[in-house]
Amino acid sequence: MASDNLENLTKQLAEFAQARDWEQFHNPKNLAMALIGEAGELVEHFQWLTFEQSAHLSPEKKQAVSYEMADILIYLLRIAERLDIDVLKATQDKIAINEQRYPADKVKGDARRANEY
């Protein structure tokens, strides 16, 4: 099955879970908890690295990081599918909100939160 877009990937992930009778476990709460676990595993790859080291991973480390990122995306897409959320539309909406909250002419080069400037 082609997984060249989010719709196809979401369908492939749902079919994978259905074939294993995992839908019963894939409720939004469980999926969100699994996503956080995977995010923690991603962070572990960078823990204790310097900025420079984190920007120049070995091929083996980069592969491991890519798999953790894939796990995070899998759980994110499963949550979106279970809640009937169009994650691409939500992302576009959030970008528009962020453009208003963080106008480039006001925050350029400034890492403070929106309520701090």
PDB file of N, CA and C in Angstrom:
ATOM      1  N   MET A   1       0.835  -1.178   0.000  1.00  0.00           N
ATOM      2  CA  MET A   1       0.000   0.000   0.000  1.00  0.00           C
ATOM      3  C   MET A   1       0.881   1.243   0.000  1.00  0.00           C
ATOM      4  N   ALA A   2       0.564   2.183  -0.831  1.00  0.00           N
ATOM      5  CA  ALA A   2       1.334   3.420  -0.898  1.00  0.00           C
ATOM      6  C   ALA A   2       1.052   4.273   0.325  1.00  0.00           C
ATOM      7  N   SER A   3       2.113   4.770   0.931  1.00  0.00           N
ATOM      8  CA  SER A   3       1.984   5.653   2.092  1.00  0.00           C
ATOM      9  C   SER A   3       2.603   7.003   1.771  1.00  0.00           C
ATOM     10  N   ASP A   4       2.220   7.531   0.611  1.00  0.00           N
ATOM     11  CA  ASP A   4       2.843   8.752   0.130  1.00  0.00           C
ATOM     12  C   ASP A   4       2.140  10.015   0.605  1.00  0.00           C
ATOM     13  N   ASN A   5       1.071   9.871   1.365  1.00  0.00           N
ATOM     14  CA  ASN A   5       0.410  11.032   1.943  1.00  0.00           C
ATOM     15  C   ASN A   5      -0.225  10.633   3.273  1.00  0.00           C
ATOM     16  N   LEU A   6      -0.650  11.616   4.037  1.00  0.00           N
ATOM     17  CA  LEU A   6      -1.175  11.327   5.375  1.00  0.00           C
ATOM     18  C   LEU A   6      -2.451  10.498   5.352  1.00  0.00           C
ATOM     19  N   GLU A   7      -3.289  10.718   4.353  1.00  0.00           N
ATOM     20  CA  GLU A   7      -4.529   9.948   4.262  1.00  0.00           C
ATOM     21  C   GLU A   7      -4.226   8.456   4.061  1.00  0.00           C
ATOM     22  N   ASN A   8      -3.318   8.155   3.151  1.00  0.00           N
ATOM     23  CA  ASN A   8      -2.948   6.752   2.926  1.00  0.00           C
ATOM     24  C   ASN A   8      -2.238   6.154   4.136  1.00  0.00           C
ATOM     25  N   LEU A   9      -1.367   6.932   4.742  1.00  0.00           N
ATOM     26  CA  LEU A   9      -0.652   6.453   5.915  1.00  0.00           C
ATOM     27  C   LEU A   9      -1.614   6.185   7.072  1.00  0.00           C
ATOM     28  N   THR A  10      -2.556   7.082   7.280  1.00  0.00           N
ATOM     29  CA  THR A  10      -3.564   6.899   8.333  1.00  0.00           C
ATOM     30  C   THR A  10      -4.378   5.634   8.085  1.00  0.00           C
ATOM     31  N   LYS A  11      -4.753   5.415   6.847  1.00  0.00           N
ATOM     32  CA  LYS A  11      -5.512   4.205   6.502  1.00  0.00           C
ATOM     33  C   LYS A  11      -4.666   2.957   6.741  1.00  0.00           C
ATOM     34  N   GLN A  12      -3.414   2.995   6.341  1.00  0.00           N
ATOM     35  CA  GLN A  12      -2.520   1.857   6.542  1.00  0.00           C
ATOM     36  C   GLN A  12      -2.366   1.552   8.035  1.00  0.00           C
ATOM     37  N   LEU A  13      -2.224   2.578   8.855  1.00  0.00           N
ATOM     38  CA  LEU A  13      -2.078   2.378  10.295  1.00  0.00           C
ATOM     39  C   LEU A  13      -3.347   1.800  10.910  1.00  0.00           C
ATOM     40  N   ALA A  14      -4.509   2.268  10.459  1.00  0.00           N
ATOM     41  CA  ALA A  14      -5.776   1.726  10.958  1.00  0.00           C
ATOM     42  C   ALA A  14      -5.915   0.258  10.574  1.00  0.00           C
ATOM     43  N   GLU A  15      -5.564  -0.075   9.355  1.00  0.00           N
ATOM     44  CA  GLU A  15      -5.640  -1.473   8.912  1.00  0.00           C
ATOM     45  C   GLU A  15      -4.673  -2.356   9.698  1.00  0.00           C
ATOM     46  N   PHE A  16      -3.501  -1.835   9.986  1.00  0.00           N
ATOM     47  CA  PHE A  16      -2.513  -2.569  10.787  1.00  0.00           C
ATOM     48  C   PHE A  16      -3.092  -2.887  12.163  1.00  0.00           C
ATOM     49  N   ALA A  17      -3.690  -1.884  12.797  1.00  0.00           N
ATOM     50  CA  ALA A  17      -4.271  -2.087  14.131  1.00  0.00           C
ATOM     51  C   ALA A  17      -5.471  -3.036  14.077  1.00  0.00           C
ATOM     52  N   GLN A  18      -6.319  -2.887  13.064  1.00  0.00           N
ATOM     53  CA  GLN A  18      -7.503  -3.739  12.940  1.00  0.00           C
ATOM     54  C   GLN A  18      -7.113  -5.198  12.729  1.00  0.00           C
ATOM     55  N   ALA A  19      -6.109  -5.445  11.924  1.00  0.00           N
ATOM     56  CA  ALA A  19      -5.685  -6.820  11.648  1.00  0.00           C
ATOM     57  C   ALA A  19      -5.171  -7.514  12.907  1.00  0.00           C
ATOM     58  N   ARG A  20      -4.761  -6.741  13.894  1.00  0.00           N
ATOM     59  CA  ARG A  20      -4.220  -7.302  15.140  1.00  0.00           C
ATOM     60  C   ARG A  20      -5.194  -7.184  16.305  1.00  0.00           C
ATOM     61  N   ASP A  21      -6.423  -6.711  16.010  1.00  0.00           N
ATOM     62  CA  ASP A  21      -7.449  -6.485  17.026  1.00  0.00           C
ATOM     63  C   ASP A  21      -6.943  -5.542  18.111  1.00  0.00           C
ATOM     64  N   TRP A  22      -6.261  -4.480  17.705  1.00  0.00           N
ATOM     65  CA  TRP A  22      -5.728  -3.497  18.646  1.00  0.00           C
ATOM     66  C   TRP A  22      -6.609  -2.261  18.772  1.00  0.00           C
ATOM     67  N   GLU A  23      -7.654  -2.174  17.957  1.00  0.00           N
ATOM     68  CA  GLU A  23      -8.538  -1.010  18.052  1.00  0.00           C
ATOM     69  C   GLU A  23      -9.070  -0.850  19.471  1.00  0.00           C
ATOM     70  N   GLN A  24      -9.294  -1.975  20.151  1.00  0.00           N
ATOM     71  CA  GLN A  24      -9.812  -1.925  21.523  1.00  0.00           C
ATOM     72  C   GLN A  24      -8.857  -1.190  22.465  1.00  0.00           C
ATOM     73  N   PHE A  25      -7.583  -1.159  22.148  1.00  0.00           N
ATOM     74  CA  PHE A  25      -6.585  -0.489  22.978  1.00  0.00           C
ATOM     75  C   PHE A  25      -6.272   0.925  22.485  1.00  0.00           C
ATOM     76  N   HIS A  26      -6.622   1.195  21.244  1.00  0.00           N
ATOM     77  CA  HIS A  26      -6.250   2.466  20.617  1.00  0.00           C
ATOM     78  C   HIS A  26      -7.309   3.538  20.824  1.00  0.00           C
ATOM     79  N   ASN A  27      -7.581   3.831  22.078  1.00  0.00           N
ATOM     80  CA  ASN A  27      -8.446   4.971  22.385  1.00  0.00           C
ATOM     81  C   ASN A  27      -7.556   6.202  22.528  1.00  0.00           C
ATOM     82  N   PRO A  28      -8.132   7.385  22.430  1.00  0.00           N
ATOM     83  CA  PRO A  28      -7.307   8.595  22.474  1.00  0.00           C
ATOM     84  C   PRO A  28      -6.417   8.691  23.717  1.00  0.00           C
ATOM     85  N   LYS A  29      -6.905   8.306  24.869  1.00  0.00           N
ATOM     86  CA  LYS A  29      -6.100   8.371  26.094  1.00  0.00           C
ATOM     87  C   LYS A  29      -4.878   7.479  25.982  1.00  0.00           C
ATOM     88  N   ASN A  30      -5.063   6.232  25.606  1.00  0.00           N
ATOM     89  CA  ASN A  30      -3.937   5.304  25.504  1.00  0.00           C
ATOM     90  C   ASN A  30      -2.945   5.738  24.431  1.00  0.00           C
ATOM     91  N   LEU A  31      -3.473   6.200  23.312  1.00  0.00           N
ATOM     92  CA  LEU A  31      -2.592   6.642  22.235  1.00  0.00           C
ATOM     93  C   LEU A  31      -1.791   7.875  22.645  1.00  0.00           C
ATOM     94  N   ALA A  32      -2.417   8.806  23.363  1.00  0.00           N
ATOM     95  CA  ALA A  32      -1.698   9.992  23.835  1.00  0.00           C
ATOM     96  C   ALA A  32      -0.598   9.589  24.814  1.00  0.00           C
ATOM     97  N   MET A  33      -0.887   8.646  25.684  1.00  0.00           N
ATOM     98  CA  MET A  33       0.122   8.183  26.633  1.00  0.00           C
ATOM     99  C   MET A  33       1.274   7.501  25.898  1.00  0.00           C
ATOM    100  N   ALA A  34       0.960   6.706  24.883  1.00  0.00           N
ATOM    101  CA  ALA A  34       2.003   6.048  24.099  1.00  0.00           C
ATOM    102  C   ALA A  34       2.853   7.081  23.357  1.00  0.00           C
ATOM    103  N   LEU A  35       2.211   8.121  22.837  1.00  0.00           N
ATOM    104  CA  LEU A  35       2.933   9.177  22.133  1.00  0.00           C
ATOM    105  C   LEU A  35       3.932   9.852  23.074  1.00  0.00           C
ATOM    106  N   ILE A  36       3.520  10.135  24.295  1.00  0.00           N
ATOM    107  CA  ILE A  36       4.427  10.764  25.254  1.00  0.00           C
ATOM    108  C   ILE A  36       5.601   9.840  25.566  1.00  0.00           C
ATOM    109  N   GLY A  37       5.327   8.550  25.691  1.00  0.00           N
ATOM    110  CA  GLY A  37       6.416   7.598  25.921  1.00  0.00           C
ATOM    111  C   GLY A  37       7.431   7.623  24.794  1.00  0.00           C
ATOM    112  N   GLU A  38       6.944   7.665  23.573  1.00  0.00           N
ATOM    113  CA  GLU A  38       7.843   7.711  22.417  1.00  0.00           C
ATOM    114  C   GLU A  38       8.601   9.037  22.357  1.00  0.00           C
ATOM    115  N   ALA A  39       7.940  10.139  22.726  1.00  0.00           N
ATOM    116  CA  ALA A  39       8.631  11.430  22.764  1.00  0.00           C
ATOM    117  C   ALA A  39       9.774  11.380  23.775  1.00  0.00           C
ATOM    118  N   GLY A  40       9.542  10.708  24.891  1.00  0.00           N
ATOM    119  CA  GLY A  40      10.609  10.534  25.879  1.00  0.00           C
ATOM    120  C   GLY A  40      11.768   9.739  25.316  1.00  0.00           C
ATOM    121  N   GLU A  41      11.464   8.704  24.548  1.00  0.00           N
ATOM    122  CA  GLU A  41      12.522   7.903  23.929  1.00  0.00           C
ATOM    123  C   GLU A  41      13.319   8.735  22.925  1.00  0.00           C
ATOM    124  N   LEU A  42      12.639   9.635  22.216  1.00  0.00           N
ATOM    125  CA  LEU A  42      13.345  10.530  21.292  1.00  0.00           C
ATOM    126  C   LEU A  42      14.299  11.444  22.071  1.00  0.00           C
ATOM    127  N   VAL A  43      13.813  12.012  23.158  1.00  0.00           N
ATOM    128  CA  VAL A  43      14.628  12.912  23.967  1.00  0.00           C
ATOM    129  C   VAL A  43      15.864  12.198  24.502  1.00  0.00           C
ATOM    130  N   GLU A  44      15.730  10.928  24.859  1.00  0.00           N
ATOM    131  CA  GLU A  44      16.873  10.183  25.407  1.00  0.00           C
ATOM    132  C   GLU A  44      18.062  10.167  24.451  1.00  0.00           C
ATOM    133  N   HIS A  45      17.785  10.182  23.157  1.00  0.00           N
ATOM    134  CA  HIS A  45      18.883  10.177  22.179  1.00  0.00           C
ATOM    135  C   HIS A  45      19.700  11.464  22.220  1.00  0.00           C
ATOM    136  N   PHE A  46      19.103  12.544  22.720  1.00  0.00           N
ATOM    137  CA  PHE A  46      19.779  13.839  22.744  1.00  0.00           C
ATOM    138  C   PHE A  46      20.263  14.239  24.136  1.00  0.00           C
ATOM    139  N   GLN A  47      19.787  13.509  25.127  1.00  0.00           N
ATOM    140  CA  GLN A  47      20.169  13.838  26.497  1.00  0.00           C
ATOM    141  C   GLN A  47      21.687  13.778  26.637  1.00  0.00           C
ATOM    142  N   TRP A  48      22.237  14.788  27.226  1.00  0.00           N
ATOM    143  CA  TRP A  48      23.665  14.904  27.539  1.00  0.00           C
ATOM    144  C   TRP A  48      24.532  15.256  26.331  1.00  0.00           C
ATOM    145  N   LEU A  49      23.943  15.388  25.157  1.00  0.00           N
ATOM    146  CA  LEU A  49      24.740  15.815  24.006  1.00  0.00           C
ATOM    147  C   LEU A  49      24.901  17.328  24.022  1.00  0.00           C
ATOM    148  N   THR A  50      25.996  17.801  23.497  1.00  0.00           N
ATOM    149  CA  THR A  50      26.147  19.239  23.300  1.00  0.00           C
ATOM    150  C   THR A  50      25.294  19.642  22.095  1.00  0.00           C
ATOM    151  N   PHE A  51      25.124  20.952  21.911  1.00  0.00           N
ATOM    152  CA  PHE A  51      24.412  21.440  20.742  1.00  0.00           C
ATOM    153  C   PHE A  51      25.055  20.901  19.472  1.00  0.00           C
ATOM    154  N   GLU A  52      26.363  20.988  19.418  1.00  0.00           N
ATOM    155  CA  GLU A  52      27.104  20.540  18.240  1.00  0.00           C
ATOM    156  C   GLU A  52      26.890  19.045  17.990  1.00  0.00           C
ATOM    157  N   GLN A  53      27.006  18.238  19.032  1.00  0.00           N
ATOM    158  CA  GLN A  53      26.805  16.786  18.886  1.00  0.00           C
ATOM    159  C   GLN A  53      25.384  16.479  18.422  1.00  0.00           C
ATOM    160  N   SER A  54      24.404  17.192  18.963  1.00  0.00           N
ATOM    161  CA  SER A  54      23.013  16.921  18.591  1.00  0.00           C
ATOM    162  C   SER A  54      22.722  17.269  17.137  1.00  0.00           C
ATOM    163  N   ALA A  55      23.499  18.190  16.583  1.00  0.00           N
ATOM    164  CA  ALA A  55      23.301  18.605  15.196  1.00  0.00           C
ATOM    165  C   ALA A  55      24.052  17.719  14.204  1.00  0.00           C
ATOM    166  N   HIS A  56      24.935  16.857  14.709  1.00  0.00           N
ATOM    167  CA  HIS A  56      25.750  16.002  13.835  1.00  0.00           C
ATOM    168  C   HIS A  56      25.743  14.574  14.363  1.00  0.00           C
ATOM    169  N   LEU A  57      24.624  13.911  14.186  1.00  0.00           N
ATOM    170  CA  LEU A  57      24.476  12.535  14.676  1.00  0.00           C
ATOM    171  C   LEU A  57      25.172  11.553  13.754  1.00  0.00           C
ATOM    172  N   SER A  58      25.651  10.472  14.342  1.00  0.00           N
ATOM    173  CA  SER A  58      26.208   9.393  13.526  1.00  0.00           C
ATOM    174  C   SER A  58      25.074   8.786  12.705  1.00  0.00           C
ATOM    175  N   PRO A  59      25.398   8.108  11.619  1.00  0.00           N
ATOM    176  CA  PRO A  59      24.344   7.474  10.828  1.00  0.00           C
ATOM    177  C   PRO A  59      23.480   6.505  11.656  1.00  0.00           C
ATOM    178  N   GLU A  60      24.098   5.772  12.563  1.00  0.00           N
ATOM    179  CA  GLU A  60      23.355   4.822  13.388  1.00  0.00           C
ATOM    180  C   GLU A  60      22.403   5.559  14.335  1.00  0.00           C
ATOM    181  N   LYS A  61      22.890   6.611  14.941  1.00  0.00           N
ATOM    182  CA  LYS A  61      22.062   7.402  15.859  1.00  0.00           C
ATOM    183  C   LYS A  61      20.937   8.093  15.101  1.00  0.00           C
ATOM    184  N   LYS A  62      21.253   8.594  13.924  1.00  0.00           N
ATOM    185  CA  LYS A  62      20.241   9.265  13.103  1.00  0.00           C
ATOM    186  C   LYS A  62      19.130   8.290  12.716  1.00  0.00           C
ATOM    187  N   GLN A  63      19.491   7.053  12.412  1.00  0.00           N
ATOM    188  CA  GLN A  63      18.487   6.031  12.089  1.00  0.00           C
ATOM    189  C   GLN A  63      17.601   5.754  13.296  1.00  0.00           C
ATOM    190  N   ALA A  64      18.208   5.615  14.466  1.00  0.00           N
ATOM    191  CA  ALA A  64      17.436   5.373  15.689  1.00  0.00           C
ATOM    192  C   ALA A  64      16.496   6.539  15.976  1.00  0.00           C
ATOM    193  N   VAL A  65      16.968   7.757  15.797  1.00  0.00           N
ATOM    194  CA  VAL A  65      16.140   8.945  15.986  1.00  0.00           C
ATOM    195  C   VAL A  65      14.982   8.949  14.996  1.00  0.00           C
ATOM    196  N   SER A  66      15.253   8.563  13.762  1.00  0.00           N
ATOM    197  CA  SER A  66      14.191   8.546  12.748  1.00  0.00           C
ATOM    198  C   SER A  66      13.083   7.569  13.123  1.00  0.00           C
ATOM    199  N   TYR A  67      13.435   6.440  13.725  1.00  0.00           N
ATOM    200  CA  TYR A  67      12.425   5.466  14.144  1.00  0.00           C
ATOM    201  C   TYR A  67      11.593   5.999  15.308  1.00  0.00           C
ATOM    202  N   GLU A  68      12.221   6.723  16.219  1.00  0.00           N
ATOM    203  CA  GLU A  68      11.451   7.324  17.313  1.00  0.00           C
ATOM    204  C   GLU A  68      10.497   8.380  16.761  1.00  0.00           C
ATOM    205  N   MET A  69      10.966   9.162  15.805  1.00  0.00           N
ATOM    206  CA  MET A  69      10.100  10.156  15.177  1.00  0.00           C
ATOM    207  C   MET A  69       8.933   9.480  14.458  1.00  0.00           C
ATOM    208  N   ALA A  70       9.202   8.353  13.820  1.00  0.00           N
ATOM    209  CA  ALA A  70       8.138   7.604  13.150  1.00  0.00           C
ATOM    210  C   ALA A  70       7.111   7.104  14.161  1.00  0.00           C
ATOM    211  N   ASP A  71       7.584   6.602  15.304  1.00  0.00           N
ATOM    212  CA  ASP A  71       6.659   6.151  16.346  1.00  0.00           C
ATOM    213  C   ASP A  71       5.755   7.286  16.805  1.00  0.00           C
ATOM    214  N   ILE A  72       6.331   8.468  16.982  1.00  0.00           N
ATOM    215  CA  ILE A  72       5.553   9.634  17.404  1.00  0.00           C
ATOM    216  C   ILE A  72       4.504   9.976  16.360  1.00  0.00           C
ATOM    217  N   LEU A  73       4.886   9.986  15.101  1.00  0.00           N
ATOM    218  CA  LEU A  73       3.942  10.284  14.026  1.00  0.00           C
ATOM    219  C   LEU A  73       2.836   9.233  13.962  1.00  0.00           C
ATOM    220  N   ILE A  74       3.198   7.983  14.127  1.00  0.00           N
ATOM    221  CA  ILE A  74       2.198   6.907  14.118  1.00  0.00           C
ATOM    222  C   ILE A  74       1.134   7.158  15.174  1.00  0.00           C
ATOM    223  N   TYR A  75       1.561   7.408  16.400  1.00  0.00           N
ATOM    224  CA  TYR A  75       0.586   7.629  17.464  1.00  0.00           C
ATOM    225  C   TYR A  75      -0.207   8.910  17.252  1.00  0.00           C
ATOM    226  N   LEU A  76       0.427   9.955  16.754  1.00  0.00           N
ATOM    227  CA  LEU A  76      -0.281  11.197  16.479  1.00  0.00           C
ATOM    228  C   LEU A  76      -1.372  10.985  15.429  1.00  0.00           C
ATOM    229  N   LEU A  77      -1.021  10.271  14.368  1.00  0.00           N
ATOM    230  CA  LEU A  77      -2.007  10.016  13.319  1.00  0.00           C
ATOM    231  C   LEU A  77      -3.129   9.110  13.808  1.00  0.00           C
ATOM    232  N   ARG A  78      -2.807   8.160  14.667  1.00  0.00           N
ATOM    233  CA  ARG A  78      -3.854   7.283  15.221  1.00  0.00           C
ATOM    234  C   ARG A  78      -4.814   8.082  16.093  1.00  0.00           C
ATOM    235  N   ILE A  79      -4.278   8.997  16.920  1.00  0.00           N
ATOM    236  CA  ILE A  79      -5.160   9.829  17.739  1.00  0.00           C
ATOM    237  C   ILE A  79      -6.057  10.682  16.845  1.00  0.00           C
ATOM    238  N   ALA A  80      -5.480  11.304  15.836  1.00  0.00           N
ATOM    239  CA  ALA A  80      -6.249  12.145  14.924  1.00  0.00           C
ATOM    240  C   ALA A  80      -7.347  11.336  14.244  1.00  0.00           C
ATOM    241  N   GLU A  81      -7.022  10.131  13.818  1.00  0.00           N
ATOM    242  CA  GLU A  81      -8.022   9.280  13.153  1.00  0.00           C
ATOM    243  C   GLU A  81      -9.131   8.906  14.117  1.00  0.00           C
ATOM    244  N   ARG A  82      -8.781   8.545  15.334  1.00  0.00           N
ATOM    245  CA  ARG A  82      -9.781   8.122  16.324  1.00  0.00           C
ATOM    246  C   ARG A  82     -10.694   9.279  16.730  1.00  0.00           C
ATOM    247  N   LEU A  83     -10.183  10.512  16.707  1.00  0.00           N
ATOM    248  CA  LEU A  83     -10.985  11.676  17.084  1.00  0.00           C
ATOM    249  C   LEU A  83     -11.560  12.415  15.878  1.00  0.00           C
ATOM    250  N   ASP A  84     -11.315  11.886  14.674  1.00  0.00           N
ATOM    251  CA  ASP A  84     -11.780  12.503  13.436  1.00  0.00           C
ATOM    252  C   ASP A  84     -11.295  13.947  13.323  1.00  0.00           C
ATOM    253  N   ILE A  85      -9.990  14.123  13.510  1.00  0.00           N
ATOM    254  CA  ILE A  85      -9.350  15.433  13.390  1.00  0.00           C
ATOM    255  C   ILE A  85      -8.476  15.429  12.145  1.00  0.00           C
ATOM    256  N   ASP A  86      -8.664  16.416  11.313  1.00  0.00           N
ATOM    257  CA  ASP A  86      -7.812  16.609  10.136  1.00  0.00           C
ATOM    258  C   ASP A  86      -6.553  17.313  10.621  1.00  0.00           C
ATOM    259  N   VAL A  87      -5.494  16.545  10.837  1.00  0.00           N
ATOM    260  CA  VAL A  87      -4.282  17.090  11.441  1.00  0.00           C
ATOM    261  C   VAL A  87      -3.601  18.111  10.528  1.00  0.00           C
ATOM    262  N   LEU A  88      -3.728  17.978   9.233  1.00  0.00           N
ATOM    263  CA  LEU A  88      -3.156  18.982   8.333  1.00  0.00           C
ATOM    264  C   LEU A  88      -3.899  20.312   8.458  1.00  0.00           C
ATOM    265  N   LYS A  89      -5.232  20.256   8.504  1.00  0.00           N
ATOM    266  CA  LYS A  89      -6.020  21.482   8.681  1.00  0.00           C
ATOM    267  C   LYS A  89      -5.734  22.093  10.041  1.00  0.00           C
ATOM    268  N   ALA A  90      -5.667  21.275  11.074  1.00  0.00           N
ATOM    269  CA  ALA A  90      -5.372  21.779  12.414  1.00  0.00           C
ATOM    270  C   ALA A  90      -4.014  22.467  12.437  1.00  0.00           C
ATOM    271  N   THR A  91      -3.050  21.894  11.728  1.00  0.00           N
ATOM    272  CA  THR A  91      -1.715  22.486  11.668  1.00  0.00           C
ATOM    273  C   THR A  91      -1.744  23.827  10.949  1.00  0.00           C
ATOM    274  N   GLN A  92      -2.444  23.893   9.839  1.00  0.00           N
ATOM    275  CA  GLN A  92      -2.570  25.166   9.115  1.00  0.00           C
ATOM    276  C   GLN A  92      -3.255  26.214   9.975  1.00  0.00           C
ATOM    277  N   ASP A  93      -4.310  25.816  10.693  1.00  0.00           N
ATOM    278  CA  ASP A  93      -5.010  26.736  11.591  1.00  0.00           C
ATOM    279  C   ASP A  93      -4.073  27.237  12.682  1.00  0.00           C
ATOM    280  N   LYS A  94      -3.276  26.340  13.244  1.00  0.00           N
ATOM    281  CA  LYS A  94      -2.358  26.708  14.320  1.00  0.00           C
ATOM    282  C   LYS A  94      -1.260  27.638  13.813  1.00  0.00           C
ATOM    283  N   ILE A  95      -0.773  27.419  12.605  1.00  0.00           N
ATOM    284  CA  ILE A  95       0.217  28.326  12.012  1.00  0.00           C
ATOM    285  C   ILE A  95      -0.374  29.727  11.894  1.00  0.00           C
ATOM    286  N   ALA A  96      -1.625  29.822  11.446  1.00  0.00           N
ATOM    287  CA  ALA A  96      -2.285  31.128  11.323  1.00  0.00           C
ATOM    288  C   ALA A  96      -2.404  31.806  12.691  1.00  0.00           C
ATOM    289  N   ILE A  97      -2.758  31.042  13.716  1.00  0.00           N
ATOM    290  CA  ILE A  97      -2.837  31.588  15.078  1.00  0.00           C
ATOM    291  C   ILE A  97      -1.471  32.080  15.526  1.00  0.00           C
ATOM    292  N   ASN A  98      -0.439  31.267  15.287  1.00  0.00           N
ATOM    293  CA  ASN A  98       0.913  31.643  15.694  1.00  0.00           C
ATOM    294  C   ASN A  98       1.422  32.876  14.954  1.00  0.00           C
ATOM    295  N   GLU A  99       1.013  33.037  13.708  1.00  0.00           N
ATOM    296  CA  GLU A  99       1.402  34.242  12.960  1.00  0.00           C
ATOM    297  C   GLU A  99       0.833  35.488  13.626  1.00  0.00           C
ATOM    298  N   GLN A 100      -0.362  35.374  14.193  1.00  0.00           N
ATOM    299  CA  GLN A 100      -0.966  36.497  14.905  1.00  0.00           C
ATOM    300  C   GLN A 100      -0.316  36.708  16.276  1.00  0.00           C
ATOM    301  N   ARG A 101      -0.052  35.617  16.977  1.00  0.00           N
ATOM    302  CA  ARG A 101       0.524  35.698  18.326  1.00  0.00           C
ATOM    303  C   ARG A 101       1.977  36.148  18.311  1.00  0.00           C
ATOM    304  N   TYR A 102       2.683  35.793  17.258  1.00  0.00           N
ATOM    305  CA  TYR A 102       4.115  36.079  17.168  1.00  0.00           C
ATOM    306  C   TYR A 102       4.439  36.814  15.872  1.00  0.00           C
ATOM    307  N   PRO A 103       4.040  38.073  15.754  1.00  0.00           N
ATOM    308  CA  PRO A 103       4.334  38.808  14.519  1.00  0.00           C
ATOM    309  C   PRO A 103       5.850  38.942  14.332  1.00  0.00           C
ATOM    310  N   ALA A 104       6.322  38.615  13.156  1.00  0.00           N
ATOM    311  CA  ALA A 104       7.762  38.570  12.886  1.00  0.00           C
ATOM    312  C   ALA A 104       8.451  39.889  13.219  1.00  0.00           C
ATOM    313  N   ASP A 105       7.810  41.004  12.927  1.00  0.00           N
ATOM    314  CA  ASP A 105       8.454  42.287  13.194  1.00  0.00           C
ATOM    315  C   ASP A 105       8.600  42.575  14.687  1.00  0.00           C
ATOM    316  N   LYS A 106       7.855  41.861  15.511  1.00  0.00           N
ATOM    317  CA  LYS A 106       7.902  42.079  16.953  1.00  0.00           C
ATOM    318  C   LYS A 106       8.797  41.076  17.679  1.00  0.00           C
ATOM    319  N   VAL A 107       8.865  39.855  17.163  1.00  0.00           N
ATOM    320  CA  VAL A 107       9.530  38.780  17.917  1.00  0.00           C
ATOM    321  C   VAL A 107      10.795  38.239  17.264  1.00  0.00           C
ATOM    322  N   LYS A 108      11.179  38.783  16.144  1.00  0.00           N
ATOM    323  CA  LYS A 108      12.342  38.255  15.437  1.00  0.00           C
ATOM    324  C   LYS A 108      13.555  38.192  16.354  1.00  0.00           C
ATOM    325  N   GLY A 109      14.121  37.004  16.494  1.00  0.00           N
ATOM    326  CA  GLY A 109      15.293  36.800  17.326  1.00  0.00           C
ATOM    327  C   GLY A 109      15.004  36.773  18.816  1.00  0.00           C
ATOM    328  N   ASP A 110      13.734  36.747  19.200  1.00  0.00           N
ATOM    329  CA  ASP A 110      13.326  36.793  20.602  1.00  0.00           C
ATOM    330  C   ASP A 110      12.585  35.509  20.941  1.00  0.00           C
ATOM    331  N   ALA A 111      13.061  34.777  21.932  1.00  0.00           N
ATOM    332  CA  ALA A 111      12.487  33.469  22.256  1.00  0.00           C
ATOM    333  C   ALA A 111      11.455  33.518  23.379  1.00  0.00           C
ATOM    334  N   ARG A 112      11.040  34.712  23.789  1.00  0.00           N
ATOM    335  CA  ARG A 112      10.046  34.785  24.853  1.00  0.00           C
ATOM    336  C   ARG A 112       8.688  34.271  24.378  1.00  0.00           C
ATOM    337  N   ARG A 113       7.871  33.887  25.338  1.00  0.00           N
ATOM    338  CA  ARG A 113       6.516  33.425  25.032  1.00  0.00           C
ATOM    339  C   ARG A 113       5.647  34.625  24.662  1.00  0.00           C
ATOM    340  N   ALA A 114       4.510  34.367  24.033  1.00  0.00           N
ATOM    341  CA  ALA A 114       3.649  35.429  23.531  1.00  0.00           C
ATOM    342  C   ALA A 114       3.229  36.419  24.613  1.00  0.00           C
ATOM    343  N   ASN A 115       2.993  35.936  25.808  1.00  0.00           N
ATOM    344  CA  ASN A 115       2.528  36.825  26.876  1.00  0.00           C
ATOM    345  C   ASN A 115       3.679  37.559  27.564  1.00  0.00           C
ATOM    346  N   GLU A 116       4.893  37.400  27.090  1.00  0.00           N
ATOM    347  CA  GLU A 116       6.057  38.016  27.726  1.00  0.00           C
ATOM    348  C   GLU A 116       6.617  39.215  26.953  1.00  0.00           C
ATOM    349  N   TYR A 117       6.063  39.525  25.815  1.00  0.00           N
ATOM    350  CA  TYR A 117       6.588  40.673  25.076  1.00  0.00           C
ATOM    351  C   TYR A 117       5.512  41.722  24.871  1.00  0.00           C
TER     352      TYR A 117
END
